[in-house]
Amino acid sequence: MILLRVDIEPSQVEAGSVTVGWLLTDREGAVLYDAPRRLRGDHRPRSHAKSASACPAILNLESRLFEIVCPFDLRLGLAETQFGEAAVKDLAGAMSPMRGSALDRLVIVSPRSEWRHPDRPILQLRLPYLFVADEPVYMAQLPPFQHYRSEPLPGLTLSGRFPIHIWPRPLTWAFEWHATDSPLVLRRGEPLFYVQFETEPATRPVQLVEAERTAALDTYLKEIEGVVNYVNQTFSLMKSAEERRPQKLVRPVQRG
């Protein structure tokens, strides 16, 4: 793990919580995107001392998970372009709440050569969420495994893990479509994915705050933006990014 050099005494680091900032990189349609929220399990009043609602392991895990809910209602099917490339179509047709031009900007189908399996398309849902920290924090993006769906997804939510103190970037929701004859149904307000933060030491709690997009953060984001188009292993650039990183990137939003 690459450690970020910041002027914090070890005793201070271990004593308090870790501040993680979240923000929207694009304010267009910002009211659609709910704030990340700490996962709260469906814990009814306990009727037994050994109830799962009181299990320390379950409660400890849930306390470290935050959920991002889906901002849209979508019912998608797979299609094919005139060039034989995979594409998505809005199965709601003329009754869809989303215009076709908006769907084209929102959903990206990866080129067939980038799929993990030749018969399982991968698509990405563009989102404006960004997380950042001023001390070493790794973030894992995970499927919403605590959420029961009566209509299961026809594939897998792809997960990932990266250091948000060095490599903050807007998130996408990536999906690998296995049952290609089945529709992909997403509902506004339902959990789309979880994020989990790894701290040093691991016992430190996380305080999630809405952060401003400061000039320093904006400049830093531009310096690391789009490098995936030029190199295969972006993690190889972590050291260079660390050297360019400003001392302070997280500035909590002050509301009057």
Protein backbone atom coordinates (compact mmCIF):
# COMPACT_ATOMS: atom_id res chain seq x y z
CA MET A 1 0.00 0.00 0.00
CA ILE A 2 1.29 3.49 -0.83
CA LEU A 3 1.19 5.72 2.24
CA LEU A 4 0.36 9.37 1.88
CA ARG A 5 2.73 11.74 3.64
CA VAL A 6 0.68 14.07 5.83
CA ASP A 7 1.58 16.03 8.95
CA ILE A 8 -0.45 14.06 11.48
CA GLU A 9 0.99 12.49 14.61
CA PRO A 10 0.39 8.72 14.90
CA SER A 11 -1.36 9.15 18.23
CA GLN A 12 -3.77 11.65 16.66
CA VAL A 13 -4.50 9.34 13.74
CA GLU A 14 -5.33 6.34 15.92
CA ALA A 15 -7.46 8.31 18.39
CA GLY A 16 -10.11 9.78 16.10
CA SER A 17 -12.30 8.98 13.16
CA VAL A 18 -11.27 9.17 9.51
CA THR A 19 -12.98 11.89 7.49
CA VAL A 20 -14.05 10.80 4.02
CA GLY A 21 -15.52 13.42 1.70
CA TRP A 22 -18.10 12.72 -0.96
CA LEU A 23 -19.30 15.02 -3.73
CA LEU A 24 -20.97 15.10 -7.13
CA THR A 25 -18.58 15.95 -9.95
CA ASP A 26 -21.46 17.14 -12.14
CA ARG A 27 -24.22 19.29 -10.66
CA GLU A 28 -26.59 18.80 -13.60
CA GLY A 29 -29.63 16.97 -12.26
CA ALA A 30 -28.06 16.87 -8.79
CA VAL A 31 -31.45 16.42 -7.10
CA LEU A 32 -31.62 12.93 -8.64
CA TYR A 33 -28.62 11.71 -6.68
CA ASP A 34 -29.25 11.01 -2.99
CA ALA A 35 -26.45 11.37 -0.47
CA PRO A 36 -24.65 8.13 0.41
CA ARG A 37 -26.22 6.67 3.53
CA ARG A 38 -24.93 4.30 6.16
CA LEU A 39 -26.43 0.86 5.77
CA ARG A 40 -29.15 0.10 8.29
CA GLY A 41 -30.22 -3.53 8.39
CA ASP A 42 -33.83 -4.57 8.72
CA HIS A 43 -33.55 -5.16 12.46
CA ARG A 44 -36.88 -5.66 14.17
CA PRO A 45 -37.18 -5.61 17.99
CA ARG A 46 -35.30 -8.53 19.45
CA SER A 47 -37.37 -11.42 20.75
CA HIS A 48 -34.37 -13.58 21.65
CA ALA A 49 -30.98 -12.87 23.19
CA LYS A 50 -29.25 -14.68 20.32
CA SER A 51 -31.16 -12.85 17.60
CA ALA A 52 -29.24 -12.01 14.43
CA SER A 53 -30.28 -8.40 15.09
CA ALA A 54 -27.81 -8.38 17.99
CA CYS A 55 -24.94 -10.25 16.32
CA PRO A 56 -21.78 -8.14 16.81
CA ALA A 57 -20.26 -9.40 13.57
CA ILE A 58 -23.32 -8.39 11.53
CA LEU A 59 -23.60 -5.01 13.23
CA ASN A 60 -19.88 -4.33 12.82
CA LEU A 61 -20.01 -5.05 9.09
CA GLU A 62 -23.13 -2.95 8.55
CA SER A 63 -21.56 -0.03 10.41
CA ARG A 64 -18.79 0.06 7.78
CA LEU A 65 -21.01 -0.06 4.70
CA PHE A 66 -22.60 2.90 2.93
CA GLU A 67 -25.15 2.47 0.17
CA ILE A 68 -25.66 4.39 -3.05
CA VAL A 69 -29.23 4.15 -4.27
CA CYS A 70 -30.23 3.99 -7.91
CA PRO A 71 -31.23 7.43 -9.26
CA PHE A 72 -33.26 6.14 -12.22
CA ASP A 73 -36.02 3.75 -13.22
CA LEU A 74 -34.68 1.64 -16.08
CA ARG A 75 -35.81 -1.48 -17.88
CA LEU A 76 -33.16 -2.39 -20.42
CA GLY A 77 -32.71 -5.13 -22.98
CA LEU A 78 -29.81 -6.09 -25.19
CA ALA A 79 -29.78 -5.10 -28.85
CA GLU A 80 -27.30 -5.04 -31.71
CA THR A 81 -26.13 -2.16 -33.85
CA GLN A 82 -25.98 -2.30 -37.64
CA PHE A 83 -22.27 -3.04 -37.25
CA GLY A 84 -22.90 -6.10 -35.06
CA GLU A 85 -21.88 -4.44 -31.80
CA ALA A 86 -23.81 -4.96 -28.57
CA ALA A 87 -26.07 -2.12 -27.46
CA VAL A 88 -28.90 -1.53 -25.01
CA LYS A 89 -32.51 -0.61 -25.74
CA ASP A 90 -35.12 0.92 -23.47
CA LEU A 91 -37.83 -1.70 -23.12
CA ALA A 92 -40.28 0.92 -21.82
CA GLY A 93 -40.35 2.44 -25.30
CA ALA A 94 -42.43 5.59 -25.66
CA MET A 95 -43.58 5.26 -22.04
CA SER A 96 -40.05 5.51 -20.70
CA PRO A 97 -39.38 8.34 -18.23
CA MET A 98 -35.94 8.83 -19.82
CA ARG A 99 -35.25 10.30 -23.26
CA GLY A 100 -33.17 8.22 -25.64
CA SER A 101 -30.44 10.87 -25.85
CA ALA A 102 -30.09 10.84 -22.05
CA LEU A 103 -29.86 7.04 -22.01
CA ASP A 104 -27.10 7.16 -24.61
CA ARG A 105 -25.06 9.48 -22.38
CA LEU A 106 -25.76 7.47 -19.26
CA VAL A 107 -25.11 3.88 -20.33
CA ILE A 108 -21.92 2.67 -22.00
CA VAL A 109 -21.54 -0.83 -23.45
CA SER A 110 -17.91 -1.88 -23.43
CA PRO A 111 -16.36 -3.09 -26.70
CA ARG A 112 -16.63 -6.85 -27.13
CA SER A 113 -12.85 -7.18 -26.96
CA GLU A 114 -12.92 -5.88 -23.36
CA TRP A 115 -15.46 -8.40 -22.05
CA ARG A 116 -14.32 -11.06 -19.62
CA HIS A 117 -16.37 -13.69 -21.51
CA PRO A 118 -17.36 -13.57 -25.21
CA ASP A 119 -21.06 -14.11 -24.44
CA ARG A 120 -21.39 -11.78 -21.44
CA PRO A 121 -21.60 -8.09 -22.34
CA ILE A 122 -20.32 -5.54 -19.85
CA LEU A 123 -22.03 -2.20 -19.50
CA GLN A 124 -21.34 0.79 -17.29
CA LEU A 125 -23.74 3.27 -15.76
CA ARG A 126 -22.10 6.68 -15.48
CA LEU A 127 -22.47 8.31 -12.06
CA PRO A 128 -21.13 11.60 -10.65
CA TYR A 129 -20.23 10.27 -7.17
CA LEU A 130 -16.66 10.83 -6.02
CA PHE A 131 -15.02 9.97 -2.69
CA VAL A 132 -11.78 11.46 -1.39
CA ALA A 133 -9.71 11.41 1.81
CA ASP A 134 -6.68 13.25 3.19
CA GLU A 135 -5.09 10.20 4.79
CA PRO A 136 -4.67 6.58 3.67
CA VAL A 137 -8.08 5.10 2.84
CA TYR A 138 -8.91 2.33 0.40
CA MET A 139 -12.49 2.11 -0.85
CA ALA A 140 -14.18 -1.06 -2.07
CA GLN A 141 -17.23 -0.84 -4.33
CA LEU A 142 -19.46 -3.87 -3.72
CA PRO A 143 -22.82 -5.32 -4.81
CA PRO A 144 -25.76 -4.62 -2.46
CA PHE A 145 -25.64 -8.11 -0.95
CA GLN A 146 -27.85 -7.17 2.01
CA HIS A 147 -30.73 -6.16 -0.27
CA TYR A 148 -33.28 -8.77 -1.37
CA ARG A 149 -34.61 -8.43 -4.90
CA SER A 150 -37.74 -10.35 -5.87
CA GLU A 151 -36.52 -10.06 -9.46
CA PRO A 152 -32.79 -10.93 -9.42
CA LEU A 153 -30.38 -9.14 -11.70
CA PRO A 154 -29.56 -11.14 -14.86
CA GLY A 155 -25.84 -11.00 -14.15
CA LEU A 156 -23.13 -9.75 -11.82
CA THR A 157 -22.30 -6.35 -10.40
CA LEU A 158 -18.55 -5.93 -10.87
CA SER A 159 -16.60 -4.84 -7.81
CA GLY A 160 -13.36 -2.93 -7.33
CA ARG A 161 -10.99 -1.46 -4.75
CA PHE A 162 -8.69 1.57 -4.97
CA PRO A 163 -7.05 4.26 -2.78
CA ILE A 164 -9.26 7.34 -2.62
CA HIS A 165 -6.56 9.41 -0.90
CA ILE A 166 -4.41 9.15 -4.05
CA TRP A 167 -6.76 8.18 -6.86
CA PRO A 168 -10.19 9.82 -6.39
CA ARG A 169 -12.35 9.36 -9.47
CA PRO A 170 -16.04 9.43 -10.43
CA LEU A 171 -17.69 6.06 -9.96
CA THR A 172 -19.48 3.92 -12.48
CA TRP A 173 -21.75 0.98 -11.85
CA ALA A 174 -20.38 -1.89 -13.93
CA PHE A 175 -22.53 -4.89 -14.80
CA GLU A 176 -21.74 -8.17 -16.53
CA TRP A 177 -24.85 -9.47 -18.32
CA HIS A 178 -25.07 -13.29 -18.07
CA ALA A 179 -28.73 -14.07 -18.83
CA THR A 180 -28.79 -11.97 -21.98
CA ASP A 181 -32.40 -12.89 -22.80
CA SER A 182 -33.60 -11.39 -19.51
CA PRO A 183 -34.18 -7.66 -18.96
CA LEU A 184 -32.04 -5.55 -16.67
CA VAL A 185 -34.42 -3.78 -14.30
CA LEU A 186 -33.19 -0.98 -12.02
CA ARG A 187 -35.52 0.92 -9.71
CA ARG A 188 -35.04 4.40 -8.36
CA GLY A 189 -34.44 4.37 -4.61
CA GLU A 190 -33.22 0.77 -4.41
CA PRO A 191 -29.59 0.12 -3.42
CA LEU A 192 -27.36 0.09 -6.50
CA PHE A 193 -24.08 -0.71 -4.73
CA TYR A 194 -22.25 -0.39 -1.41
CA VAL A 195 -18.97 1.32 -0.59
CA GLN A 196 -16.74 0.16 2.24
CA PHE A 197 -13.73 2.09 3.55
CA GLU A 198 -10.51 0.53 4.85
CA THR A 199 -8.64 2.67 7.40
CA GLU A 200 -5.36 2.50 9.30
CA PRO A 201 -5.78 0.98 11.82
CA ALA A 202 -8.87 -0.91 10.72
CA THR A 203 -10.76 -0.16 13.94
CA ARG A 204 -11.09 3.58 13.26
CA PRO A 205 -14.63 4.73 12.43
CA VAL A 206 -15.42 6.65 9.25
CA GLN A 207 -17.09 10.05 9.24
CA LEU A 208 -18.63 10.67 5.82
CA VAL A 209 -19.10 14.36 4.96
CA GLU A 210 -20.22 16.22 1.87
CA ALA A 211 -17.17 17.99 0.44
CA GLU A 212 -16.66 21.00 -1.79
CA ARG A 213 -15.10 20.75 -5.23
CA THR A 214 -12.27 23.14 -4.47
CA ALA A 215 -9.81 24.53 -7.01
CA ALA A 216 -7.11 22.25 -5.60
CA LEU A 217 -9.28 19.15 -5.96
CA ASP A 218 -10.39 20.18 -9.44
CA THR A 219 -6.79 20.61 -10.61
CA TYR A 220 -5.76 17.27 -9.13
CA LEU A 221 -8.69 15.45 -10.75
CA LYS A 222 -7.70 16.84 -14.14
CA GLU A 223 -4.13 15.57 -13.67
CA ILE A 224 -5.27 11.96 -13.18
CA GLU A 225 -8.34 12.05 -15.43
CA GLY A 226 -8.44 9.83 -18.48
CA VAL A 227 -5.04 8.18 -18.01
CA VAL A 228 -6.73 4.78 -18.40
CA ASN A 229 -6.89 5.60 -22.11
CA TYR A 230 -3.09 5.73 -22.32
CA VAL A 231 -1.77 3.01 -19.98
CA ASN A 232 -2.94 -0.47 -18.97
CA GLN A 233 -2.00 -0.42 -15.31
CA THR A 234 -3.08 2.88 -13.74
CA PHE A 235 -1.87 1.67 -10.32
CA SER A 236 1.66 2.04 -11.70
CA LEU A 237 1.09 5.82 -11.67
CA MET A 238 0.20 6.00 -7.97
CA LYS A 239 3.64 7.16 -6.89
CA SER A 240 3.67 9.98 -9.43
CA ALA A 241 0.14 10.98 -8.45
CA GLU A 242 1.09 11.01 -4.77
CA GLU A 243 3.94 13.41 -5.47
CA ARG A 244 1.57 15.84 -7.23
CA ARG A 245 -1.19 15.58 -4.65
CA PRO A 246 -2.00 18.75 -2.67
CA GLN A 247 -1.78 18.49 1.10
CA LYS A 248 -5.51 19.11 1.60
CA LEU A 249 -8.32 17.92 -0.68
CA VAL A 250 -11.28 17.48 1.68
CA ARG A 251 -13.13 20.67 2.63
CA PRO A 252 -16.54 19.94 4.20
CA VAL A 253 -19.47 21.91 2.81
CA GLN A 254 -20.55 24.68 5.15
CA ARG A 255 -24.28 25.23 5.13
CA GLY A 256 -25.77 28.37 6.66
